[in-house]
Amino acid sequence: MAKFSTEGLMAKASINDTCGQCHTDIRQQFNRRSHMPLPEGQMSCDDCHNPHGALTNNGNPLLNGPLLKTNTVNETCYQCHAEKRGPWLWEHPPVRESCLNCHSPHGSNQSSLLVAPVPVLCQQCHAANSHAGALQTRQNIGIGANPEAQIMGRGCLTCHANIHGSNAPSGPRFHQ
């Protein structure tokens, strides 16, 4: 590392620029429509990642993987998104498993860093058996003679608003 930064220890002026030298694929993700606020200067790579190695359970550095500052992806996300943590009476299992099941951590062309548009994302796990109509695809969303009511507006989220979990008395349908 050349003496370039104000601290005199990094090769570039900021942590983000230093990381971006090698991680160009990740840097490009921040140019997408929905992204973490890194380009705006509201966060930096080291808010989630430890550039010198992630710590294992016994405290020794681990030099592979995503070098997260916490033990799991969810713990890292909950540092800023505590309202998504729960506890929930009705849990959505993919959320408990990993935030990466639905979200891209750096940037996405879908809203809220989603990996696919709603309802396509939801229908990857949930078949259309509880609603009338066929599965929607990217090609037929909202077009055709009779578009499904579930895909209008916010799609599944119009009725199922509490996707991460719910304590509502209506049960595990995540309606309220």
N, C-alpha and C. Protein backbone atom coordinates (compact mmCIF):
# COMPACT_ATOMS: atom_id res chain seq x y z
N MET A 1 0.84 -1.18 0.00
CA MET A 1 0.00 0.00 0.00
C MET A 1 0.88 1.25 0.00
N ALA A 2 0.68 2.07 -0.98
CA ALA A 2 1.46 3.31 -1.07
C ALA A 2 0.88 4.35 -0.13
N LYS A 3 1.67 5.34 0.24
CA LYS A 3 1.21 6.42 1.11
C LYS A 3 0.47 7.44 0.26
N PHE A 4 -0.83 7.27 0.13
CA PHE A 4 -1.64 8.15 -0.69
C PHE A 4 -2.74 8.81 0.13
N SER A 5 -3.36 8.07 1.03
CA SER A 5 -4.48 8.59 1.79
C SER A 5 -4.01 9.54 2.87
N THR A 6 -4.97 10.22 3.50
CA THR A 6 -4.63 11.17 4.57
C THR A 6 -3.98 10.47 5.74
N GLU A 7 -4.32 9.20 5.97
CA GLU A 7 -3.68 8.44 7.04
C GLU A 7 -2.31 7.94 6.61
N GLY A 8 -2.03 7.98 5.31
CA GLY A 8 -0.74 7.56 4.81
C GLY A 8 -0.57 6.06 4.70
N LEU A 9 -1.66 5.30 4.77
CA LEU A 9 -1.54 3.85 4.77
C LEU A 9 -2.20 3.16 3.59
N MET A 10 -3.11 3.85 2.90
CA MET A 10 -3.84 3.20 1.82
C MET A 10 -3.37 3.70 0.46
N ALA A 11 -3.54 2.85 -0.53
CA ALA A 11 -3.09 3.17 -1.88
C ALA A 11 -3.98 4.22 -2.55
N LYS A 12 -5.20 4.37 -2.10
CA LYS A 12 -6.13 5.35 -2.66
C LYS A 12 -6.64 6.27 -1.56
N ALA A 13 -7.38 7.29 -1.95
CA ALA A 13 -7.83 8.29 -1.00
C ALA A 13 -8.90 7.78 -0.04
N SER A 14 -9.64 6.74 -0.42
CA SER A 14 -10.68 6.23 0.47
C SER A 14 -10.64 4.71 0.50
N ILE A 15 -11.30 4.15 1.50
CA ILE A 15 -11.40 2.70 1.61
C ILE A 15 -12.12 2.14 0.38
N ASN A 16 -13.19 2.81 -0.02
CA ASN A 16 -13.97 2.33 -1.17
C ASN A 16 -13.14 2.30 -2.45
N ASP A 17 -12.32 3.31 -2.66
CA ASP A 17 -11.46 3.33 -3.84
C ASP A 17 -10.40 2.23 -3.78
N THR A 18 -9.88 1.99 -2.59
CA THR A 18 -8.87 0.94 -2.42
C THR A 18 -9.46 -0.42 -2.73
N CYS A 19 -10.63 -0.70 -2.18
CA CYS A 19 -11.29 -1.99 -2.43
C CYS A 19 -11.69 -2.13 -3.89
N GLY A 20 -12.16 -1.02 -4.49
CA GLY A 20 -12.63 -1.02 -5.87
C GLY A 20 -11.55 -1.29 -6.89
N GLN A 21 -10.29 -1.15 -6.53
CA GLN A 21 -9.20 -1.45 -7.46
C GLN A 21 -9.24 -2.90 -7.92
N CYS A 22 -9.52 -3.81 -7.01
CA CYS A 22 -9.55 -5.24 -7.34
C CYS A 22 -10.98 -5.75 -7.53
N HIS A 23 -11.89 -5.25 -6.75
CA HIS A 23 -13.28 -5.73 -6.79
C HIS A 23 -14.12 -4.89 -7.75
N THR A 24 -13.71 -4.89 -9.02
CA THR A 24 -14.41 -4.07 -10.01
C THR A 24 -15.84 -4.56 -10.27
N ASP A 25 -16.07 -5.87 -10.17
CA ASP A 25 -17.42 -6.40 -10.37
C ASP A 25 -18.37 -5.90 -9.29
N ILE A 26 -17.89 -5.85 -8.07
CA ILE A 26 -18.71 -5.33 -6.96
C ILE A 26 -18.90 -3.83 -7.12
N ARG A 27 -17.87 -3.13 -7.50
CA ARG A 27 -17.95 -1.67 -7.69
C ARG A 27 -19.01 -1.32 -8.74
N GLN A 28 -19.13 -2.12 -9.78
CA GLN A 28 -20.13 -1.88 -10.82
C GLN A 28 -21.55 -2.06 -10.30
N GLN A 29 -21.75 -2.93 -9.32
CA GLN A 29 -23.07 -3.14 -8.77
C GLN A 29 -23.62 -1.89 -8.09
N PHE A 30 -22.75 -1.03 -7.62
CA PHE A 30 -23.19 0.21 -6.97
C PHE A 30 -23.71 1.23 -7.99
N ASN A 31 -23.54 0.96 -9.28
CA ASN A 31 -24.08 1.83 -10.33
C ASN A 31 -25.51 1.46 -10.71
N ARG A 32 -26.03 0.40 -10.13
CA ARG A 32 -27.39 -0.03 -10.46
C ARG A 32 -28.43 0.87 -9.80
N ARG A 33 -29.66 0.73 -10.26
CA ARG A 33 -30.76 1.60 -9.81
C ARG A 33 -30.93 1.59 -8.30
N SER A 34 -30.93 0.44 -7.70
CA SER A 34 -31.06 0.29 -6.25
C SER A 34 -29.72 -0.19 -5.73
N HIS A 35 -29.13 0.53 -4.79
CA HIS A 35 -27.82 0.15 -4.28
C HIS A 35 -27.64 0.63 -2.84
N MET A 36 -26.69 0.04 -2.17
CA MET A 36 -26.33 0.53 -0.85
C MET A 36 -25.79 1.95 -1.01
N PRO A 37 -25.93 2.79 0.02
CA PRO A 37 -25.53 4.20 -0.13
C PRO A 37 -24.03 4.45 -0.08
N LEU A 38 -23.26 3.56 -0.61
CA LEU A 38 -21.81 3.70 -0.65
C LEU A 38 -21.36 4.83 -1.58
N PRO A 39 -21.88 4.94 -2.82
CA PRO A 39 -21.43 6.02 -3.69
C PRO A 39 -21.76 7.41 -3.15
N GLU A 40 -22.81 7.50 -2.34
CA GLU A 40 -23.21 8.78 -1.76
C GLU A 40 -22.38 9.14 -0.54
N GLY A 41 -21.49 8.24 -0.12
CA GLY A 41 -20.62 8.51 1.02
C GLY A 41 -21.26 8.25 2.37
N GLN A 42 -22.42 7.59 2.40
CA GLN A 42 -23.09 7.33 3.67
C GLN A 42 -22.60 6.07 4.35
N MET A 43 -21.84 5.27 3.63
CA MET A 43 -21.23 4.07 4.21
C MET A 43 -19.99 3.72 3.41
N SER A 44 -19.21 2.80 3.94
CA SER A 44 -18.02 2.35 3.22
C SER A 44 -17.93 0.83 3.32
N CYS A 45 -17.04 0.26 2.54
CA CYS A 45 -16.90 -1.19 2.48
C CYS A 45 -16.65 -1.79 3.86
N ASP A 46 -15.90 -1.09 4.70
CA ASP A 46 -15.57 -1.65 6.00
C ASP A 46 -16.70 -1.54 7.02
N ASP A 47 -17.85 -1.01 6.63
CA ASP A 47 -19.01 -1.06 7.52
C ASP A 47 -19.52 -2.50 7.64
N CYS A 48 -19.37 -3.29 6.58
CA CYS A 48 -19.83 -4.68 6.57
C CYS A 48 -18.67 -5.68 6.54
N HIS A 49 -17.58 -5.29 5.89
CA HIS A 49 -16.46 -6.21 5.66
C HIS A 49 -15.24 -5.82 6.46
N ASN A 50 -14.48 -6.83 6.87
CA ASN A 50 -13.20 -6.62 7.52
C ASN A 50 -12.12 -6.91 6.49
N PRO A 51 -11.43 -5.89 5.98
CA PRO A 51 -10.47 -6.13 4.89
C PRO A 51 -9.28 -7.00 5.28
N HIS A 52 -9.06 -7.19 6.57
CA HIS A 52 -7.92 -7.98 7.00
C HIS A 52 -8.29 -9.40 7.40
N GLY A 53 -9.53 -9.80 7.13
CA GLY A 53 -9.97 -11.16 7.42
C GLY A 53 -11.14 -11.18 8.37
N ALA A 54 -12.06 -12.10 8.14
CA ALA A 54 -13.20 -12.26 9.03
C ALA A 54 -12.77 -13.08 10.23
N LEU A 55 -13.40 -12.86 11.36
CA LEU A 55 -13.07 -13.61 12.56
C LEU A 55 -13.91 -14.87 12.63
N THR A 56 -13.29 -15.97 12.98
CA THR A 56 -14.02 -17.21 13.18
C THR A 56 -14.51 -17.26 14.62
N ASN A 57 -15.21 -18.31 14.97
CA ASN A 57 -15.76 -18.42 16.32
C ASN A 57 -14.69 -18.46 17.40
N ASN A 58 -13.50 -18.94 17.08
CA ASN A 58 -12.44 -18.99 18.09
C ASN A 58 -11.53 -17.75 18.04
N GLY A 59 -11.90 -16.73 17.28
CA GLY A 59 -11.17 -15.47 17.27
C GLY A 59 -10.01 -15.39 16.31
N ASN A 60 -9.73 -16.44 15.55
CA ASN A 60 -8.64 -16.41 14.58
C ASN A 60 -9.13 -15.83 13.26
N PRO A 61 -8.28 -15.10 12.55
CA PRO A 61 -8.70 -14.55 11.26
C PRO A 61 -8.97 -15.63 10.22
N LEU A 62 -9.99 -15.41 9.42
CA LEU A 62 -10.35 -16.31 8.34
C LEU A 62 -10.19 -15.52 7.05
N LEU A 63 -9.36 -15.97 6.14
CA LEU A 63 -9.03 -15.19 4.96
C LEU A 63 -9.74 -15.65 3.70
N ASN A 64 -10.91 -16.25 3.83
CA ASN A 64 -11.71 -16.59 2.65
C ASN A 64 -13.15 -16.16 2.90
N GLY A 65 -14.00 -16.36 1.93
CA GLY A 65 -15.39 -15.93 2.09
C GLY A 65 -15.53 -14.44 1.91
N PRO A 66 -16.66 -13.89 2.33
CA PRO A 66 -16.92 -12.47 2.09
C PRO A 66 -16.28 -11.53 3.11
N LEU A 67 -15.50 -12.07 4.04
CA LEU A 67 -14.81 -11.27 5.06
C LEU A 67 -15.78 -10.38 5.85
N LEU A 68 -16.91 -10.93 6.24
CA LEU A 68 -17.90 -10.18 6.99
C LEU A 68 -17.41 -9.89 8.41
N LYS A 69 -17.87 -8.79 8.97
CA LYS A 69 -17.51 -8.44 10.34
C LYS A 69 -18.28 -9.25 11.37
N THR A 70 -19.36 -9.89 10.93
CA THR A 70 -20.16 -10.70 11.84
C THR A 70 -20.11 -12.16 11.37
N ASN A 71 -20.75 -13.04 12.13
CA ASN A 71 -20.70 -14.47 11.80
C ASN A 71 -21.58 -14.85 10.63
N THR A 72 -22.66 -14.10 10.38
CA THR A 72 -23.59 -14.45 9.30
C THR A 72 -23.97 -13.21 8.50
N VAL A 73 -24.50 -13.44 7.31
CA VAL A 73 -25.00 -12.35 6.48
C VAL A 73 -26.12 -11.61 7.21
N ASN A 74 -27.05 -12.36 7.79
CA ASN A 74 -28.18 -11.72 8.48
C ASN A 74 -27.71 -10.82 9.62
N GLU A 75 -26.75 -11.27 10.41
CA GLU A 75 -26.24 -10.42 11.49
C GLU A 75 -25.67 -9.12 10.94
N THR A 76 -25.00 -9.20 9.82
CA THR A 76 -24.44 -8.00 9.20
C THR A 76 -25.55 -7.06 8.75
N CYS A 77 -26.58 -7.59 8.11
CA CYS A 77 -27.69 -6.75 7.65
C CYS A 77 -28.44 -6.12 8.81
N TYR A 78 -28.63 -6.89 9.89
CA TYR A 78 -29.38 -6.40 11.05
C TYR A 78 -28.67 -5.26 11.77
N GLN A 79 -27.39 -5.04 11.53
CA GLN A 79 -26.69 -3.92 12.15
C GLN A 79 -27.33 -2.60 11.74
N CYS A 80 -27.83 -2.51 10.52
CA CYS A 80 -28.50 -1.30 10.04
C CYS A 80 -30.02 -1.49 9.94
N HIS A 81 -30.45 -2.70 9.71
CA HIS A 81 -31.88 -2.99 9.48
C HIS A 81 -32.45 -3.79 10.65
N ALA A 82 -32.36 -3.25 11.85
CA ALA A 82 -32.80 -3.96 13.06
C ALA A 82 -34.29 -4.26 13.04
N GLU A 83 -35.08 -3.44 12.37
CA GLU A 83 -36.53 -3.66 12.32
C GLU A 83 -36.90 -4.93 11.58
N LYS A 84 -35.98 -5.49 10.81
CA LYS A 84 -36.25 -6.72 10.06
C LYS A 84 -35.91 -7.97 10.88
N ARG A 85 -35.29 -7.79 12.03
CA ARG A 85 -34.80 -8.90 12.84
C ARG A 85 -35.91 -9.71 13.49
N GLY A 86 -36.94 -9.08 13.97
CA GLY A 86 -37.97 -9.79 14.72
C GLY A 86 -37.73 -9.64 16.20
N PRO A 87 -38.15 -10.51 17.06
CA PRO A 87 -38.70 -11.83 16.79
C PRO A 87 -40.13 -11.76 16.26
N TRP A 88 -40.48 -12.74 15.48
CA TRP A 88 -41.80 -12.79 14.86
C TRP A 88 -42.56 -14.01 15.34
N LEU A 89 -43.83 -13.83 15.54
CA LEU A 89 -44.71 -14.96 15.83
C LEU A 89 -44.82 -15.84 14.59
N TRP A 90 -44.93 -15.18 13.42
CA TRP A 90 -45.01 -15.88 12.13
C TRP A 90 -43.77 -15.50 11.33
N GLU A 91 -42.83 -16.42 11.21
CA GLU A 91 -41.59 -16.16 10.49
C GLU A 91 -41.69 -16.61 9.04
N HIS A 92 -41.00 -15.89 8.18
CA HIS A 92 -40.87 -16.28 6.78
C HIS A 92 -39.54 -17.03 6.68
N PRO A 93 -39.54 -18.33 6.52
CA PRO A 93 -38.30 -19.13 6.60
C PRO A 93 -37.14 -18.65 5.73
N PRO A 94 -37.37 -18.21 4.47
CA PRO A 94 -36.21 -17.76 3.69
C PRO A 94 -35.51 -16.55 4.29
N VAL A 95 -36.26 -15.72 5.00
CA VAL A 95 -35.68 -14.54 5.64
C VAL A 95 -34.78 -14.97 6.78
N ARG A 96 -35.25 -15.91 7.58
CA ARG A 96 -34.46 -16.42 8.71
C ARG A 96 -33.19 -17.09 8.21
N GLU A 97 -33.28 -17.78 7.07
CA GLU A 97 -32.14 -18.51 6.53
C GLU A 97 -31.04 -17.55 6.07
N SER A 98 -31.38 -16.61 5.18
CA SER A 98 -30.38 -15.66 4.69
C SER A 98 -31.06 -14.53 3.92
N CYS A 99 -30.65 -13.32 4.18
CA CYS A 99 -31.16 -12.16 3.44
C CYS A 99 -30.86 -12.29 1.95
N LEU A 100 -29.79 -13.04 1.61
CA LEU A 100 -29.38 -13.18 0.22
C LEU A 100 -30.34 -14.04 -0.60
N ASN A 101 -31.29 -14.70 0.04
CA ASN A 101 -32.29 -15.46 -0.72
C ASN A 101 -33.13 -14.53 -1.58
N CYS A 102 -33.32 -13.29 -1.14
CA CYS A 102 -34.16 -12.34 -1.88
C CYS A 102 -33.43 -11.06 -2.28
N HIS A 103 -32.37 -10.71 -1.57
CA HIS A 103 -31.70 -9.43 -1.79
C HIS A 103 -30.27 -9.61 -2.30
N SER A 104 -29.87 -8.69 -3.15
CA SER A 104 -28.48 -8.59 -3.59
C SER A 104 -27.80 -7.58 -2.67
N PRO A 105 -26.69 -7.91 -2.04
CA PRO A 105 -26.15 -7.03 -0.99
C PRO A 105 -25.55 -5.71 -1.47
N HIS A 106 -25.13 -5.61 -2.70
CA HIS A 106 -24.46 -4.38 -3.14
C HIS A 106 -25.32 -3.51 -4.04
N GLY A 107 -25.99 -4.09 -5.01
CA GLY A 107 -26.82 -3.32 -5.91
C GLY A 107 -27.65 -4.21 -6.80
N SER A 108 -28.79 -3.66 -7.25
CA SER A 108 -29.71 -4.41 -8.08
C SER A 108 -30.49 -3.45 -8.97
N ASN A 109 -30.99 -3.95 -10.08
CA ASN A 109 -31.86 -3.13 -10.92
C ASN A 109 -33.32 -3.24 -10.49
N GLN A 110 -33.60 -4.03 -9.44
CA GLN A 110 -34.94 -4.15 -8.88
C GLN A 110 -35.03 -3.26 -7.64
N SER A 111 -36.23 -2.92 -7.23
CA SER A 111 -36.39 -2.09 -6.04
C SER A 111 -35.94 -2.85 -4.80
N SER A 112 -35.52 -2.12 -3.80
CA SER A 112 -35.12 -2.68 -2.50
C SER A 112 -34.05 -3.77 -2.60
N LEU A 113 -33.17 -3.65 -3.57
CA LEU A 113 -32.08 -4.59 -3.77
C LEU A 113 -32.55 -6.03 -4.01
N LEU A 114 -33.75 -6.20 -4.52
CA LEU A 114 -34.27 -7.55 -4.77
C LEU A 114 -33.53 -8.20 -5.94
N VAL A 115 -33.43 -9.53 -5.92
CA VAL A 115 -32.73 -10.25 -6.98
C VAL A 115 -33.60 -10.47 -8.21
N ALA A 116 -34.91 -10.33 -8.07
CA ALA A 116 -35.86 -10.47 -9.18
C ALA A 116 -37.07 -9.61 -8.88
N PRO A 117 -37.85 -9.24 -9.90
CA PRO A 117 -39.02 -8.41 -9.63
C PRO A 117 -40.14 -9.20 -8.95
N VAL A 118 -40.92 -8.49 -8.14
CA VAL A 118 -42.13 -9.08 -7.57
C VAL A 118 -43.17 -9.07 -8.67
N PRO A 119 -43.92 -10.09 -8.96
CA PRO A 119 -44.12 -11.33 -8.21
C PRO A 119 -43.21 -12.48 -8.62
N VAL A 120 -42.34 -12.29 -9.59
CA VAL A 120 -41.48 -13.37 -10.05
C VAL A 120 -40.63 -13.91 -8.90
N LEU A 121 -40.11 -13.03 -8.06
CA LEU A 121 -39.30 -13.45 -6.92
C LEU A 121 -40.11 -14.33 -5.98
N CYS A 122 -41.32 -13.90 -5.66
CA CYS A 122 -42.18 -14.67 -4.74
C CYS A 122 -42.53 -16.03 -5.33
N GLN A 123 -42.79 -16.06 -6.63
CA GLN A 123 -43.24 -17.29 -7.28
C GLN A 123 -42.11 -18.29 -7.49
N GLN A 124 -40.88 -17.93 -7.19
CA GLN A 124 -39.81 -18.91 -7.24
C GLN A 124 -40.01 -19.97 -6.17
N CYS A 125 -40.68 -19.59 -5.07
CA CYS A 125 -40.97 -20.54 -4.00
C CYS A 125 -42.47 -20.82 -3.86
N HIS A 126 -43.28 -19.79 -4.07
CA HIS A 126 -44.72 -19.91 -3.86
C HIS A 126 -45.42 -20.13 -5.20
N ALA A 127 -45.99 -21.29 -5.36
CA ALA A 127 -46.75 -21.59 -6.57
C ALA A 127 -48.07 -20.83 -6.53
N ALA A 128 -48.75 -20.78 -7.64
CA ALA A 128 -50.00 -20.02 -7.73
C ALA A 128 -51.20 -20.81 -7.21
N ASN A 129 -50.98 -21.83 -6.39
CA ASN A 129 -52.08 -22.67 -5.95
C ASN A 129 -53.03 -21.96 -4.98
N SER A 130 -52.60 -20.91 -4.32
CA SER A 130 -53.50 -20.22 -3.39
C SER A 130 -54.21 -19.04 -4.05
N HIS A 131 -53.89 -18.74 -5.28
CA HIS A 131 -54.54 -17.67 -6.04
C HIS A 131 -54.95 -18.25 -7.40
N ALA A 132 -55.98 -17.66 -7.95
CA ALA A 132 -56.39 -18.09 -9.30
C ALA A 132 -55.34 -17.64 -10.31
N GLY A 133 -55.26 -18.33 -11.42
CA GLY A 133 -54.36 -17.93 -12.49
C GLY A 133 -53.07 -18.71 -12.50
N ALA A 134 -52.32 -18.48 -13.53
CA ALA A 134 -51.06 -19.19 -13.73
C ALA A 134 -49.90 -18.39 -13.19
N LEU A 135 -48.76 -19.03 -13.10
CA LEU A 135 -47.55 -18.32 -12.70
C LEU A 135 -47.24 -17.20 -13.68
N GLN A 136 -46.79 -16.10 -13.18
CA GLN A 136 -46.44 -14.97 -14.03
C GLN A 136 -44.96 -15.05 -14.37
N THR A 137 -44.63 -14.67 -15.56
CA THR A 137 -43.24 -14.64 -15.98
C THR A 137 -42.85 -13.21 -16.30
N ARG A 138 -41.59 -12.98 -16.50
CA ARG A 138 -41.12 -11.63 -16.85
C ARG A 138 -41.79 -11.14 -18.13
N GLN A 139 -42.13 -12.07 -19.03
CA GLN A 139 -42.69 -11.69 -20.32
C GLN A 139 -44.16 -11.29 -20.23
N ASN A 140 -44.93 -11.87 -19.30
CA ASN A 140 -46.36 -11.59 -19.30
C ASN A 140 -46.86 -10.79 -18.09
N ILE A 141 -45.98 -10.22 -17.30
CA ILE A 141 -46.40 -9.42 -16.16
C ILE A 141 -47.15 -8.18 -16.65
N GLY A 142 -48.39 -8.06 -16.24
CA GLY A 142 -49.18 -6.87 -16.51
C GLY A 142 -49.61 -6.66 -17.94
N ILE A 143 -49.34 -7.61 -18.83
CA ILE A 143 -49.78 -7.45 -20.21
C ILE A 143 -50.75 -8.57 -20.54
N GLY A 144 -51.43 -8.45 -21.60
CA GLY A 144 -52.40 -9.46 -21.98
C GLY A 144 -53.81 -8.98 -21.70
N ALA A 145 -54.79 -9.78 -22.11
CA ALA A 145 -56.19 -9.39 -22.00
C ALA A 145 -56.67 -9.36 -20.55
N ASN A 146 -56.22 -10.28 -19.72
CA ASN A 146 -56.69 -10.38 -18.34
C ASN A 146 -55.52 -10.52 -17.37
N PRO A 147 -54.81 -9.43 -17.06
CA PRO A 147 -53.70 -9.55 -16.11
C PRO A 147 -54.24 -9.89 -14.72
N GLU A 148 -53.49 -10.66 -13.98
CA GLU A 148 -53.90 -11.08 -12.65
C GLU A 148 -53.93 -9.88 -11.70
N ALA A 149 -54.91 -9.86 -10.80
CA ALA A 149 -55.02 -8.79 -9.82
C ALA A 149 -53.81 -8.76 -8.89
N GLN A 150 -53.21 -9.93 -8.66
CA GLN A 150 -52.07 -10.01 -7.75
C GLN A 150 -50.82 -9.32 -8.30
N ILE A 151 -50.77 -9.06 -9.59
CA ILE A 151 -49.57 -8.45 -10.14
C ILE A 151 -49.71 -6.96 -10.35
N MET A 152 -50.87 -6.41 -10.12
CA MET A 152 -51.07 -4.99 -10.31
C MET A 152 -50.50 -4.22 -9.11
N GLY A 153 -50.10 -3.01 -9.31
CA GLY A 153 -49.57 -2.21 -8.21
C GLY A 153 -48.27 -2.77 -7.69
N ARG A 154 -48.26 -3.16 -6.44
CA ARG A 154 -47.05 -3.68 -5.80
C ARG A 154 -46.98 -5.20 -5.85
N GLY A 155 -47.79 -5.82 -6.70
CA GLY A 155 -47.76 -7.27 -6.82
C GLY A 155 -48.18 -7.94 -5.54
N CYS A 156 -47.46 -8.94 -5.14
CA CYS A 156 -47.78 -9.70 -3.93
C CYS A 156 -47.79 -8.80 -2.69
N LEU A 157 -46.97 -7.75 -2.73
CA LEU A 157 -46.82 -6.87 -1.57
C LEU A 157 -48.05 -5.99 -1.32
N THR A 158 -48.98 -5.94 -2.27
CA THR A 158 -50.20 -5.18 -2.06
C THR A 158 -50.97 -5.76 -0.88
N CYS A 159 -51.03 -7.07 -0.80
CA CYS A 159 -51.74 -7.73 0.31
C CYS A 159 -50.79 -8.28 1.37
N HIS A 160 -49.67 -8.81 0.94
CA HIS A 160 -48.71 -9.44 1.85
C HIS A 160 -47.60 -8.45 2.14
N ALA A 161 -47.85 -7.53 3.07
CA ALA A 161 -46.94 -6.41 3.30
C ALA A 161 -45.79 -6.74 4.25
N ASN A 162 -45.97 -7.67 5.16
CA ASN A 162 -44.94 -7.99 6.16
C ASN A 162 -44.17 -9.24 5.76
N ILE A 163 -43.40 -9.13 4.72
CA ILE A 163 -42.71 -10.28 4.15
C ILE A 163 -41.67 -10.86 5.10
N HIS A 164 -40.99 -10.04 5.88
CA HIS A 164 -39.93 -10.53 6.74
C HIS A 164 -40.47 -11.32 7.93
N GLY A 165 -41.66 -10.96 8.40
CA GLY A 165 -42.28 -11.66 9.52
C GLY A 165 -43.44 -10.83 10.04
N SER A 166 -44.28 -11.46 10.84
CA SER A 166 -45.47 -10.78 11.32
C SER A 166 -45.87 -11.29 12.69
N ASN A 167 -46.45 -10.40 13.48
CA ASN A 167 -47.06 -10.76 14.75
C ASN A 167 -48.56 -10.55 14.68
N ALA A 168 -49.09 -10.40 13.48
CA ALA A 168 -50.51 -10.10 13.28
C ALA A 168 -51.39 -11.28 13.66
N PRO A 169 -52.58 -11.01 14.20
CA PRO A 169 -53.48 -12.09 14.57
C PRO A 169 -54.05 -12.83 13.36
N SER A 170 -53.88 -12.28 12.16
CA SER A 170 -54.41 -12.95 10.96
C SER A 170 -53.61 -14.19 10.60
N GLY A 171 -52.53 -14.42 11.30
CA GLY A 171 -51.78 -15.65 11.08
C GLY A 171 -50.63 -15.50 10.10
N PRO A 172 -50.14 -16.63 9.58
CA PRO A 172 -48.93 -16.64 8.77
C PRO A 172 -49.13 -16.20 7.33
N ARG A 173 -50.15 -15.40 7.05
CA ARG A 173 -50.34 -14.94 5.69
C ARG A 173 -49.64 -13.60 5.42
N PHE A 174 -49.03 -13.02 6.45
CA PHE A 174 -48.26 -11.78 6.33
C PHE A 174 -49.08 -10.63 5.75
N HIS A 175 -50.38 -10.59 6.09
CA HIS A 175 -51.24 -9.56 5.54
C HIS A 175 -51.07 -8.21 6.18
N GLN A 176 -50.94 -8.13 7.48
CA GLN A 176 -50.93 -6.83 8.15
C GLN A 176 -49.55 -6.48 8.66
